[in-house]
């Protein structure tokens, strides 16, 4: 067997800060891959349940392409001992994959270098296939993070996700989550502890 893969992965982003507390970020990435496979099976007889009475060649070509685009707008501000971070955003992602292949037996020249379908003589064993697959996701989300005195933390998130994997009659769904945290090592009775550097307790719920 032999597989050759060519792949290109890239990502670019733009980030802008304005009105002192706002940050906008847009990121776009791609993942493109193309690979080919070749397989050769010779005539062999290793055991009663492991043998081949004719040569066989198999080939396959695959092309996969994925792109994703993320956009976020963040508001960050501190009010004395209070700190708040609000983020809203969107994300979109799409995958497309194509593959074709086939096999044939009884090769005219029986070696790996000639393991191509056109080298086979037995047309009754010719097998070909071709498939196309797609997968897409589109999401809108928001998150609020609050911190008091760098000790008590609250986070709430809500997503609206749409996916081709969901049913056609309910393409979008809502997915909330909540969490609370406590940084114990920022309390006076542990802040100057010599035996403990950091302790955080966190609990949450989401779907």
N, C-alpha and C. Protein backbone atom coordinates (compact mmCIF):
# COMPACT_ATOMS: atom_id res chain seq x y z
N UNK A 1 0.84 -1.20 0.00
CA UNK A 1 0.00 0.00 0.00
C UNK A 1 0.88 1.25 0.00
N UNK A 2 0.36 2.30 -0.62
CA UNK A 2 1.07 3.57 -0.62
C UNK A 2 0.04 4.70 -0.66
N UNK A 3 0.22 5.68 0.19
CA UNK A 3 -0.65 6.85 0.23
C UNK A 3 0.21 8.11 0.15
N UNK A 4 -0.17 9.02 -0.74
CA UNK A 4 0.52 10.30 -0.86
C UNK A 4 -0.47 11.40 -0.50
N UNK A 5 -0.07 12.27 0.41
CA UNK A 5 -0.96 13.33 0.88
C UNK A 5 -0.32 14.69 0.68
N UNK A 6 -1.10 15.61 0.16
CA UNK A 6 -0.71 17.02 0.08
C UNK A 6 -1.74 17.82 0.87
N UNK A 7 -1.27 18.67 1.75
CA UNK A 7 -2.19 19.39 2.63
C UNK A 7 -1.71 20.83 2.82
N UNK A 8 -2.69 21.74 2.82
CA UNK A 8 -2.40 23.16 3.07
C UNK A 8 -3.35 23.65 4.16
N UNK A 9 -2.77 24.22 5.21
CA UNK A 9 -3.54 24.75 6.33
C UNK A 9 -3.13 26.20 6.54
N UNK A 10 -4.12 27.09 6.66
CA UNK A 10 -3.78 28.49 6.85
C UNK A 10 -4.84 29.21 7.66
N UNK A 11 -4.42 30.30 8.30
CA UNK A 11 -5.34 31.09 9.10
C UNK A 11 -4.88 32.54 9.10
N UNK A 12 -5.83 33.46 9.01
CA UNK A 12 -5.53 34.89 9.07
C UNK A 12 -6.58 35.57 9.93
N UNK A 13 -6.18 36.61 10.64
CA UNK A 13 -7.14 37.30 11.49
C UNK A 13 -6.88 38.81 11.47
N UNK A 14 -7.94 39.54 11.81
CA UNK A 14 -7.88 40.99 11.94
C UNK A 14 -8.45 41.35 13.30
N UNK A 15 -7.74 42.19 14.04
CA UNK A 15 -8.20 42.59 15.36
C UNK A 15 -8.13 44.10 15.48
N UNK A 16 -9.21 44.70 15.98
CA UNK A 16 -9.26 46.15 16.12
C UNK A 16 -9.82 46.50 17.49
N UNK A 17 -9.21 47.47 18.16
CA UNK A 17 -9.68 47.96 19.45
C UNK A 17 -10.18 49.40 19.26
N UNK A 18 -11.35 49.70 19.87
CA UNK A 18 -11.93 51.03 19.68
C UNK A 18 -12.76 51.40 20.91
N UNK A 19 -13.04 52.68 21.06
CA UNK A 19 -13.82 53.22 22.18
C UNK A 19 -13.32 52.71 23.53
N UNK A 20 -12.04 52.44 23.63
CA UNK A 20 -11.33 52.12 24.86
C UNK A 20 -11.63 50.72 25.41
N UNK A 21 -12.88 50.28 25.37
CA UNK A 21 -13.23 49.02 26.02
C UNK A 21 -13.69 47.94 25.05
N UNK A 22 -13.70 48.22 23.77
CA UNK A 22 -14.23 47.26 22.79
C UNK A 22 -13.10 46.67 21.94
N UNK A 23 -13.23 45.38 21.63
CA UNK A 23 -12.29 44.70 20.74
C UNK A 23 -13.07 43.85 19.75
N UNK A 24 -12.79 44.04 18.47
CA UNK A 24 -13.40 43.23 17.43
C UNK A 24 -12.33 42.36 16.80
N UNK A 25 -12.67 41.08 16.61
CA UNK A 25 -11.72 40.15 15.99
C UNK A 25 -12.44 39.29 14.95
N UNK A 26 -11.82 39.19 13.79
CA UNK A 26 -12.34 38.34 12.72
C UNK A 26 -11.23 37.40 12.27
N UNK A 27 -11.53 36.12 12.22
CA UNK A 27 -10.54 35.11 11.89
C UNK A 27 -11.08 34.19 10.82
N UNK A 28 -10.27 33.89 9.81
CA UNK A 28 -10.67 33.00 8.72
C UNK A 28 -9.59 31.95 8.50
N UNK A 29 -10.00 30.69 8.43
CA UNK A 29 -9.04 29.62 8.25
C UNK A 29 -9.51 28.61 7.22
N UNK A 30 -8.55 27.94 6.59
CA UNK A 30 -8.86 26.89 5.63
C UNK A 30 -7.98 25.67 5.91
N UNK A 31 -8.49 24.51 5.51
CA UNK A 31 -7.76 23.25 5.61
C UNK A 31 -8.08 22.48 4.34
N UNK A 32 -7.11 22.40 3.43
CA UNK A 32 -7.30 21.74 2.15
C UNK A 32 -6.35 20.55 2.04
N UNK A 33 -6.89 19.40 1.68
CA UNK A 33 -6.05 18.21 1.55
C UNK A 33 -6.45 17.40 0.34
N UNK A 34 -5.47 16.81 -0.28
CA UNK A 34 -5.66 15.94 -1.44
C UNK A 34 -4.75 14.75 -1.27
N UNK A 35 -5.30 13.55 -1.38
CA UNK A 35 -4.44 12.38 -1.25
C UNK A 35 -4.89 11.25 -2.16
N UNK A 36 -3.91 10.45 -2.54
CA UNK A 36 -4.14 9.32 -3.42
C UNK A 36 -3.64 8.05 -2.74
N UNK A 37 -4.30 6.94 -3.04
CA UNK A 37 -3.92 5.65 -2.47
C UNK A 37 -3.76 4.62 -3.58
N UNK A 38 -2.81 3.73 -3.39
CA UNK A 38 -2.56 2.61 -4.29
C UNK A 38 -2.37 1.35 -3.47
N UNK A 39 -2.97 0.26 -3.93
CA UNK A 39 -2.82 -1.01 -3.21
C UNK A 39 -2.62 -2.14 -4.22
N UNK A 40 -1.73 -3.06 -3.89
CA UNK A 40 -1.45 -4.22 -4.74
C UNK A 40 -1.50 -5.48 -3.89
N UNK A 41 -2.26 -6.47 -4.38
CA UNK A 41 -2.33 -7.78 -3.72
C UNK A 41 -1.82 -8.82 -4.71
N UNK A 42 -0.75 -9.53 -4.38
CA UNK A 42 -0.23 -10.58 -5.27
C UNK A 42 -0.95 -11.90 -5.02
N UNK A 43 -0.64 -12.88 -5.82
CA UNK A 43 -1.12 -14.24 -5.55
C UNK A 43 -0.30 -14.79 -4.37
N UNK A 44 -0.99 -15.33 -3.37
CA UNK A 44 -0.28 -15.88 -2.21
C UNK A 44 -1.12 -16.97 -1.56
N UNK A 45 -0.45 -17.77 -0.78
CA UNK A 45 -1.12 -18.86 -0.07
C UNK A 45 -0.39 -19.04 1.27
N UNK A 46 -0.92 -18.39 2.29
CA UNK A 46 -0.28 -18.47 3.61
C UNK A 46 -0.94 -19.51 4.50
N UNK A 47 -2.24 -19.67 4.35
CA UNK A 47 -2.99 -20.63 5.15
C UNK A 47 -4.33 -20.88 4.48
N UNK A 48 -5.11 -21.80 5.03
CA UNK A 48 -6.39 -22.13 4.43
C UNK A 48 -7.33 -20.93 4.37
N UNK A 49 -7.24 -20.06 5.34
CA UNK A 49 -8.11 -18.88 5.38
C UNK A 49 -7.36 -17.60 5.04
N UNK A 50 -6.18 -17.70 4.46
CA UNK A 50 -5.39 -16.52 4.09
C UNK A 50 -4.68 -16.80 2.78
N UNK A 51 -5.39 -16.50 1.68
CA UNK A 51 -4.82 -16.76 0.37
C UNK A 51 -5.50 -15.88 -0.67
N UNK A 52 -4.86 -15.74 -1.83
CA UNK A 52 -5.43 -15.03 -2.97
C UNK A 52 -5.03 -15.77 -4.23
N UNK A 53 -6.02 -16.05 -5.07
CA UNK A 53 -5.75 -16.82 -6.28
C UNK A 53 -5.53 -15.94 -7.50
N UNK A 54 -5.68 -14.64 -7.35
CA UNK A 54 -5.44 -13.73 -8.46
C UNK A 54 -4.89 -12.41 -7.94
N UNK A 55 -4.20 -11.70 -8.78
CA UNK A 55 -3.67 -10.39 -8.39
C UNK A 55 -4.79 -9.35 -8.39
N UNK A 56 -4.58 -8.27 -7.65
CA UNK A 56 -5.61 -7.24 -7.54
C UNK A 56 -4.95 -5.87 -7.35
N UNK A 57 -5.51 -4.87 -8.02
CA UNK A 57 -5.05 -3.48 -7.87
C UNK A 57 -6.22 -2.62 -7.42
N UNK A 58 -5.95 -1.71 -6.50
CA UNK A 58 -6.96 -0.77 -6.01
C UNK A 58 -6.38 0.64 -6.05
N UNK A 59 -7.24 1.62 -6.39
CA UNK A 59 -6.82 3.02 -6.41
C UNK A 59 -7.91 3.89 -5.80
N UNK A 60 -7.50 5.02 -5.24
CA UNK A 60 -8.45 5.96 -4.69
C UNK A 60 -7.90 7.38 -4.73
N UNK A 61 -8.78 8.34 -4.97
CA UNK A 61 -8.42 9.75 -4.96
C UNK A 61 -9.40 10.48 -4.06
N UNK A 62 -8.88 11.35 -3.19
CA UNK A 62 -9.70 12.03 -2.20
C UNK A 62 -9.35 13.52 -2.18
N UNK A 63 -10.39 14.34 -2.01
CA UNK A 63 -10.20 15.79 -1.90
C UNK A 63 -11.10 16.30 -0.78
N UNK A 64 -10.52 16.93 0.21
CA UNK A 64 -11.27 17.48 1.35
C UNK A 64 -10.95 18.96 1.51
N UNK A 65 -11.99 19.74 1.77
CA UNK A 65 -11.80 21.18 1.95
C UNK A 65 -12.69 21.66 3.09
N UNK A 66 -12.09 22.36 4.05
CA UNK A 66 -12.82 22.91 5.19
C UNK A 66 -12.46 24.38 5.34
N UNK A 67 -13.45 25.22 5.55
CA UNK A 67 -13.19 26.61 5.90
C UNK A 67 -14.01 26.98 7.13
N UNK A 68 -13.48 27.89 7.93
CA UNK A 68 -14.20 28.38 9.10
C UNK A 68 -13.95 29.88 9.27
N UNK A 69 -15.00 30.58 9.69
CA UNK A 69 -14.94 32.04 9.83
C UNK A 69 -15.55 32.40 11.17
N UNK A 70 -14.77 33.05 12.03
CA UNK A 70 -15.21 33.42 13.37
C UNK A 70 -15.14 34.94 13.53
N UNK A 71 -16.16 35.51 14.16
CA UNK A 71 -16.19 36.95 14.45
C UNK A 71 -16.66 37.16 15.88
N UNK A 72 -15.94 37.98 16.63
CA UNK A 72 -16.31 38.27 18.02
C UNK A 72 -16.17 39.75 18.30
N UNK A 73 -17.07 40.24 19.14
CA UNK A 73 -17.01 41.61 19.65
C UNK A 73 -17.02 41.52 21.17
N UNK A 74 -15.99 42.09 21.80
CA UNK A 74 -15.80 41.95 23.25
C UNK A 74 -15.80 43.31 23.92
N UNK A 75 -16.49 43.38 25.04
CA UNK A 75 -16.50 44.58 25.89
C UNK A 75 -15.89 44.20 27.23
N UNK A 76 -14.82 44.88 27.62
CA UNK A 76 -14.12 44.59 28.87
C UNK A 76 -13.98 45.87 29.67
N UNK A 77 -14.41 45.82 30.96
CA UNK A 77 -14.29 47.01 31.80
C UNK A 77 -14.21 46.61 33.26
N UNK A 78 -13.44 47.38 34.01
CA UNK A 78 -13.31 47.20 35.45
C UNK A 78 -13.93 48.40 36.16
N UNK A 79 -14.69 48.12 37.23
CA UNK A 79 -15.29 49.16 38.08
C UNK A 79 -14.85 48.90 39.52
N UNK A 80 -13.74 49.45 39.90
CA UNK A 80 -13.25 49.19 41.25
C UNK A 80 -12.95 47.72 41.43
N UNK A 81 -13.68 47.05 42.33
CA UNK A 81 -13.47 45.63 42.56
C UNK A 81 -14.31 44.75 41.64
N UNK A 82 -15.07 45.37 40.78
CA UNK A 82 -15.91 44.63 39.83
C UNK A 82 -15.23 44.59 38.46
N UNK A 83 -15.34 43.45 37.80
CA UNK A 83 -14.82 43.30 36.44
C UNK A 83 -15.85 42.57 35.61
N UNK A 84 -16.10 43.06 34.41
CA UNK A 84 -17.09 42.46 33.54
C UNK A 84 -16.53 42.31 32.14
N UNK A 85 -16.86 41.19 31.52
CA UNK A 85 -16.44 40.91 30.15
C UNK A 85 -17.66 40.36 29.41
N UNK A 86 -18.08 41.05 28.36
CA UNK A 86 -19.23 40.64 27.56
C UNK A 86 -18.75 40.38 26.14
N UNK A 87 -19.10 39.22 25.61
CA UNK A 87 -18.69 38.88 24.26
C UNK A 87 -19.87 38.34 23.48
N UNK A 88 -20.01 38.80 22.25
CA UNK A 88 -20.98 38.25 21.30
C UNK A 88 -20.23 37.88 20.04
N UNK A 89 -20.75 36.89 19.32
CA UNK A 89 -20.03 36.49 18.14
C UNK A 89 -20.81 35.53 17.26
N UNK A 90 -20.19 35.23 16.13
CA UNK A 90 -20.73 34.26 15.18
C UNK A 90 -19.60 33.36 14.72
N UNK A 91 -19.96 32.16 14.33
CA UNK A 91 -18.99 31.26 13.73
C UNK A 91 -19.67 30.47 12.63
N UNK A 92 -18.96 30.25 11.56
CA UNK A 92 -19.47 29.47 10.44
C UNK A 92 -18.38 28.52 9.98
N UNK A 93 -18.80 27.31 9.62
CA UNK A 93 -17.84 26.28 9.21
C UNK A 93 -18.49 25.38 8.18
N UNK A 94 -17.70 24.99 7.18
CA UNK A 94 -18.22 24.09 6.16
C UNK A 94 -17.14 23.12 5.70
N UNK A 95 -17.56 21.89 5.52
CA UNK A 95 -16.65 20.83 5.03
C UNK A 95 -17.25 20.21 3.77
N UNK A 96 -16.40 20.00 2.77
CA UNK A 96 -16.79 19.28 1.57
C UNK A 96 -15.73 18.24 1.25
N UNK A 97 -16.18 17.02 1.02
CA UNK A 97 -15.26 15.95 0.71
C UNK A 97 -15.71 15.16 -0.50
N UNK A 98 -14.77 14.82 -1.36
CA UNK A 98 -15.04 14.02 -2.55
C UNK A 98 -14.05 12.86 -2.59
N UNK A 99 -14.51 11.69 -3.00
CA UNK A 99 -13.59 10.60 -3.20
C UNK A 99 -14.11 9.67 -4.29
N UNK A 100 -13.19 9.18 -5.09
CA UNK A 100 -13.49 8.21 -6.14
C UNK A 100 -12.44 7.11 -6.06
N UNK A 101 -12.80 5.93 -6.52
CA UNK A 101 -11.86 4.84 -6.48
C UNK A 101 -12.42 3.60 -7.14
N UNK A 102 -11.60 2.57 -7.15
CA UNK A 102 -12.03 1.32 -7.75
C UNK A 102 -10.95 0.27 -7.64
N UNK A 103 -11.26 -0.91 -8.18
CA UNK A 103 -10.31 -2.02 -8.13
C UNK A 103 -10.57 -2.96 -9.31
N UNK A 104 -9.56 -3.78 -9.64
CA UNK A 104 -9.65 -4.76 -10.72
C UNK A 104 -8.67 -5.88 -10.42
N UNK A 105 -9.00 -7.07 -10.89
CA UNK A 105 -8.15 -8.23 -10.63
C UNK A 105 -7.50 -8.71 -11.92
N UNK A 106 -6.61 -9.71 -11.74
CA UNK A 106 -5.93 -10.38 -12.84
C UNK A 106 -5.10 -9.39 -13.65
N UNK A 107 -4.06 -8.87 -13.02
CA UNK A 107 -3.24 -7.85 -13.65
C UNK A 107 -2.36 -8.44 -14.76
N UNK A 108 -2.19 -7.65 -15.82
CA UNK A 108 -1.32 -8.08 -16.92
C UNK A 108 0.13 -8.11 -16.45
N UNK A 109 0.56 -7.06 -15.80
CA UNK A 109 1.89 -7.01 -15.19
C UNK A 109 1.67 -6.99 -13.68
N UNK A 110 2.09 -8.02 -13.01
CA UNK A 110 1.72 -8.19 -11.60
C UNK A 110 2.83 -7.71 -10.66
N UNK A 111 2.92 -6.39 -10.50
CA UNK A 111 3.80 -5.82 -9.48
C UNK A 111 3.19 -4.51 -9.00
N UNK A 112 3.75 -3.96 -7.95
CA UNK A 112 3.17 -2.76 -7.36
C UNK A 112 3.25 -1.55 -8.29
N UNK A 113 4.31 -1.43 -9.06
CA UNK A 113 4.47 -0.28 -9.95
C UNK A 113 3.38 -0.22 -11.01
N UNK A 114 2.73 -1.34 -11.29
CA UNK A 114 1.67 -1.38 -12.30
C UNK A 114 0.31 -1.69 -11.66
N UNK A 115 0.18 -1.35 -10.40
CA UNK A 115 -1.08 -1.62 -9.68
C UNK A 115 -2.08 -0.50 -9.96
N UNK A 116 -2.57 -0.45 -11.20
CA UNK A 116 -3.59 0.50 -11.62
C UNK A 116 -4.74 -0.29 -12.24
N UNK A 117 -5.92 0.30 -12.20
CA UNK A 117 -7.11 -0.42 -12.63
C UNK A 117 -7.03 -0.83 -14.10
N UNK A 118 -6.46 0.03 -14.94
CA UNK A 118 -6.39 -0.28 -16.37
C UNK A 118 -5.46 -1.44 -16.68
N UNK A 119 -4.69 -1.90 -15.70
CA UNK A 119 -3.80 -3.04 -15.90
C UNK A 119 -4.51 -4.37 -15.63
N UNK A 120 -5.77 -4.32 -15.20
CA UNK A 120 -6.51 -5.54 -14.92
C UNK A 120 -7.20 -6.09 -16.16
N UNK A 121 -7.40 -7.41 -16.19
CA UNK A 121 -8.01 -8.05 -17.37
C UNK A 121 -9.41 -8.60 -17.09
N UNK A 122 -9.76 -8.78 -15.85
CA UNK A 122 -11.03 -9.42 -15.53
C UNK A 122 -12.10 -8.35 -15.28
N UNK A 123 -12.81 -7.95 -16.34
CA UNK A 123 -13.80 -6.88 -16.22
C UNK A 123 -14.94 -7.23 -15.28
N UNK A 124 -15.22 -8.51 -15.11
CA UNK A 124 -16.33 -8.89 -14.24
C UNK A 124 -16.05 -8.57 -12.77
N UNK A 125 -14.79 -8.32 -12.42
CA UNK A 125 -14.43 -7.99 -11.04
C UNK A 125 -14.22 -6.48 -10.85
N UNK A 126 -14.45 -5.70 -11.90
CA UNK A 126 -14.23 -4.26 -11.79
C UNK A 126 -15.21 -3.65 -10.77
N UNK A 127 -14.69 -2.87 -9.87
CA UNK A 127 -15.50 -2.17 -8.88
C UNK A 127 -15.11 -0.70 -8.88
N UNK A 128 -16.12 0.17 -8.91
CA UNK A 128 -15.86 1.61 -8.87
C UNK A 128 -16.81 2.24 -7.85
N UNK A 129 -16.40 3.33 -7.26
CA UNK A 129 -17.24 4.04 -6.31
C UNK A 129 -16.91 5.53 -6.37
N UNK A 130 -17.83 6.32 -5.90
CA UNK A 130 -17.63 7.77 -5.81
C UNK A 130 -18.63 8.34 -4.83
N UNK A 131 -18.16 9.15 -3.91
CA UNK A 131 -19.05 9.74 -2.91
C UNK A 131 -18.71 11.21 -2.72
N UNK A 132 -19.69 11.93 -2.23
CA UNK A 132 -19.53 13.34 -1.87
C UNK A 132 -20.18 13.55 -0.52
N UNK A 133 -19.50 14.23 0.38
CA UNK A 133 -20.05 14.48 1.71
C UNK A 133 -19.87 15.95 2.07
N UNK A 134 -20.86 16.50 2.76
CA UNK A 134 -20.80 17.89 3.20
C UNK A 134 -21.24 17.97 4.65
N UNK A 135 -20.76 18.99 5.33
CA UNK A 135 -21.10 19.21 6.73
C UNK A 135 -20.94 20.70 7.00
N UNK A 136 -21.97 21.31 7.58
CA UNK A 136 -21.91 22.76 7.80
C UNK A 136 -22.44 23.11 9.18
N UNK A 137 -21.90 24.19 9.73
CA UNK A 137 -22.30 24.68 11.05
C UNK A 137 -22.36 26.20 11.01
N UNK A 138 -23.43 26.75 11.60
CA UNK A 138 -23.54 28.20 11.75
C UNK A 138 -24.03 28.48 13.16
N UNK A 139 -23.32 29.35 13.88
CA UNK A 139 -23.63 29.58 15.29
C UNK A 139 -23.61 31.07 15.62
N UNK A 140 -24.46 31.42 16.59
CA UNK A 140 -24.48 32.75 17.19
C UNK A 140 -24.38 32.55 18.70
N UNK A 141 -23.55 33.33 19.36
CA UNK A 141 -23.34 33.07 20.77
C UNK A 141 -23.08 34.36 21.53
N UNK A 142 -23.33 34.29 22.83
CA UNK A 142 -23.04 35.41 23.71
C UNK A 142 -22.57 34.88 25.05
N UNK A 143 -21.68 35.62 25.68
CA UNK A 143 -21.14 35.20 26.98
C UNK A 143 -20.94 36.42 27.87
N UNK A 144 -21.34 36.29 29.13
CA UNK A 144 -21.13 37.32 30.13
C UNK A 144 -20.29 36.73 31.25
N UNK A 145 -19.19 37.40 31.55
CA UNK A 145 -18.31 36.97 32.65
C UNK A 145 -18.21 38.11 33.66
N UNK A 146 -18.42 37.77 34.94
CA UNK A 146 -18.36 38.77 36.01
C UNK A 146 -17.43 38.27 37.11
N UNK A 147 -16.60 39.18 37.60
CA UNK A 147 -15.68 38.85 38.69
C UNK A 147 -15.76 39.94 39.75
N UNK A 148 -15.84 39.51 41.01
CA UNK A 148 -15.83 40.47 42.12
C UNK A 148 -14.59 40.24 42.95
N UNK A 149 -13.78 41.29 43.02
CA UNK A 149 -12.59 41.29 43.86
C UNK A 149 -11.62 40.16 43.51
N UNK A 150 -11.68 39.69 42.25
CA UNK A 150 -10.82 38.60 41.77
C UNK A 150 -10.97 37.33 42.61
N UNK A 151 -12.15 37.17 43.22
CA UNK A 151 -12.39 35.99 44.06
C UNK A 151 -13.64 35.23 43.66
N UNK A 152 -14.70 35.96 43.33
CA UNK A 152 -15.99 35.32 43.04
C UNK A 152 -16.33 35.53 41.56
N UNK A 153 -16.60 34.43 40.87
CA UNK A 153 -16.72 34.46 39.42
C UNK A 153 -18.08 33.90 38.99
N UNK A 154 -18.67 34.55 38.02
CA UNK A 154 -19.92 34.08 37.42
C UNK A 154 -19.80 34.15 35.90
N UNK A 155 -20.28 33.11 35.21
CA UNK A 155 -20.25 33.08 33.75
C UNK A 155 -21.58 32.53 33.25
N UNK A 156 -22.13 33.16 32.22
CA UNK A 156 -23.35 32.68 31.57
C UNK A 156 -23.13 32.74 30.07
N UNK A 157 -23.51 31.67 29.39
CA UNK A 157 -23.32 31.57 27.95
C UNK A 157 -24.59 31.05 27.29
N UNK A 158 -24.89 31.60 26.13
CA UNK A 158 -26.02 31.10 25.34
C UNK A 158 -25.57 31.00 23.89
N UNK A 159 -25.78 29.81 23.30
CA UNK A 159 -25.44 29.57 21.90
C UNK A 159 -26.70 29.21 21.12
N UNK A 160 -26.74 29.65 19.89
CA UNK A 160 -27.75 29.20 18.93
C UNK A 160 -27.01 28.56 17.78
N UNK A 161 -27.03 27.24 17.74
CA UNK A 161 -26.25 26.50 16.76
C UNK A 161 -27.17 25.90 15.71
N UNK A 162 -26.77 26.07 14.46
CA UNK A 162 -27.45 25.42 13.35
C UNK A 162 -26.49 24.48 12.66
N UNK A 163 -26.93 23.24 12.41
CA UNK A 163 -26.03 22.24 11.85
C UNK A 163 -26.77 21.36 10.84
N UNK A 164 -26.05 20.92 9.82
CA UNK A 164 -26.61 19.97 8.87
C UNK A 164 -26.83 18.61 9.52
N UNK A 165 -26.25 18.40 10.70
CA UNK A 165 -26.46 17.14 11.40
C UNK A 165 -27.77 17.12 12.17
N UNK A 166 -28.40 18.29 12.33
CA UNK A 166 -29.70 18.35 12.97
C UNK A 166 -30.78 18.00 11.94
N UNK A 167 -31.95 17.64 12.42
CA UNK A 167 -33.04 17.31 11.53
C UNK A 167 -33.50 18.51 10.72
N UNK A 168 -34.02 18.24 9.52
CA UNK A 168 -34.45 19.32 8.63
C UNK A 168 -35.59 20.13 9.23
N UNK A 169 -36.38 19.53 10.11
CA UNK A 169 -37.51 20.24 10.71
C UNK A 169 -37.10 21.02 11.95
N UNK A 170 -35.85 20.89 12.38
CA UNK A 170 -35.35 21.65 13.54
C UNK A 170 -33.86 21.85 13.35
N UNK A 171 -33.54 22.74 12.44
CA UNK A 171 -32.15 22.92 12.03
C UNK A 171 -31.32 23.66 13.07
N UNK A 172 -31.98 24.46 13.94
CA UNK A 172 -31.26 25.23 14.95
C UNK A 172 -31.69 24.79 16.35
N UNK A 173 -30.77 24.92 17.30
CA UNK A 173 -31.07 24.63 18.69
C UNK A 173 -30.38 25.63 19.59
N UNK A 174 -30.95 25.82 20.79
CA UNK A 174 -30.38 26.74 21.79
C UNK A 174 -29.68 25.93 22.88
N UNK A 175 -28.49 26.39 23.27
CA UNK A 175 -27.68 25.64 24.23
C UNK A 175 -27.10 26.60 25.27
N UNK A 176 -27.72 26.65 26.45
CA UNK A 176 -27.25 27.56 27.51
C UNK A 176 -26.28 26.85 28.46
N UNK A 177 -25.52 27.65 29.19
CA UNK A 177 -24.66 27.12 30.25
C UNK A 177 -24.39 28.21 31.27
N UNK A 178 -24.17 27.78 32.51
CA UNK A 178 -23.89 28.69 33.62
C UNK A 178 -22.79 28.08 34.48
N UNK A 179 -22.01 28.93 35.09
CA UNK A 179 -20.98 28.44 36.01
C UNK A 179 -20.67 29.50 37.06
N UNK A 180 -20.17 29.04 38.21
CA UNK A 180 -19.75 29.91 39.30
C UNK A 180 -18.42 29.40 39.84
N UNK A 181 -17.57 30.31 40.23
CA UNK A 181 -16.27 29.91 40.74
C UNK A 181 -15.84 30.74 41.93
N UNK A 182 -14.94 30.15 42.69
CA UNK A 182 -14.39 30.82 43.88
C UNK A 182 -12.90 30.56 43.91
N UNK A 183 -12.10 31.64 43.89
CA UNK A 183 -10.64 31.52 43.99
C UNK A 183 -10.27 31.66 45.45
N UNK A 184 -10.12 30.53 46.09
CA UNK A 184 -9.92 30.51 47.54
C UNK A 184 -8.59 31.12 47.95
N UNK A 185 -7.59 31.00 47.11
CA UNK A 185 -6.26 31.51 47.47
C UNK A 185 -6.19 33.03 47.43
N UNK A 186 -7.24 33.71 46.98
CA UNK A 186 -7.29 35.17 47.05
C UNK A 186 -7.99 35.66 48.32
N UNK A 187 -8.45 34.73 49.15
CA UNK A 187 -9.01 35.09 50.44
C UNK A 187 -7.89 35.43 51.42
N UNK A 188 -8.13 36.33 52.38
CA UNK A 188 -7.07 36.73 53.31
C UNK A 188 -6.44 35.57 54.07
N UNK A 189 -7.25 34.55 54.41
CA UNK A 189 -6.70 33.46 55.21
C UNK A 189 -5.83 32.49 54.39
N UNK A 190 -5.79 32.64 53.06
CA UNK A 190 -4.93 31.77 52.24
C UNK A 190 -3.99 32.56 51.33
N UNK A 191 -4.17 33.86 51.25
CA UNK A 191 -3.43 34.65 50.26
C UNK A 191 -1.93 34.58 50.46
N UNK A 192 -1.48 34.54 51.69
CA UNK A 192 -0.04 34.49 51.97
C UNK A 192 0.41 33.10 52.39
N UNK A 193 -0.33 32.10 51.97
CA UNK A 193 0.01 30.73 52.35
C UNK A 193 1.32 30.30 51.68
N UNK A 194 2.15 29.63 52.43
CA UNK A 194 3.42 29.15 51.91
C UNK A 194 3.32 27.75 51.32
N UNK A 195 2.21 27.06 51.56
CA UNK A 195 2.09 25.67 51.10
C UNK A 195 1.09 25.51 49.95
N UNK A 196 0.39 26.61 49.60
CA UNK A 196 -0.62 26.51 48.54
C UNK A 196 -0.51 27.72 47.61
N UNK A 197 -0.25 27.47 46.33
CA UNK A 197 -0.10 28.55 45.37
C UNK A 197 -1.43 29.01 44.77
N UNK A 198 -2.27 28.04 44.44
CA UNK A 198 -3.53 28.41 43.77
C UNK A 198 -4.58 27.34 44.03
N UNK A 199 -5.78 27.80 44.40
CA UNK A 199 -6.91 26.90 44.61
C UNK A 199 -8.17 27.57 44.10
N UNK A 200 -8.83 26.90 43.17
CA UNK A 200 -10.05 27.43 42.59
C UNK A 200 -11.12 26.32 42.58
N UNK A 201 -12.31 26.68 43.04
CA UNK A 201 -13.43 25.77 43.02
C UNK A 201 -14.45 26.28 42.00
N UNK A 202 -14.89 25.39 41.13
CA UNK A 202 -15.79 25.82 40.06
C UNK A 202 -16.86 24.76 39.83
N UNK A 203 -18.08 25.20 39.63
CA UNK A 203 -19.17 24.32 39.29
C UNK A 203 -20.01 24.92 38.19
N UNK A 204 -20.62 24.08 37.37
CA UNK A 204 -21.38 24.62 36.26
C UNK A 204 -22.39 23.62 35.73
N UNK A 205 -23.26 24.13 34.87
CA UNK A 205 -24.27 23.31 34.20
C UNK A 205 -24.42 23.81 32.78
N UNK A 206 -24.64 22.91 31.86
CA UNK A 206 -24.85 23.33 30.47
C UNK A 206 -25.41 22.20 29.65
N UNK A 207 -25.89 22.55 28.50
CA UNK A 207 -26.36 21.53 27.55
C UNK A 207 -26.04 21.98 26.13
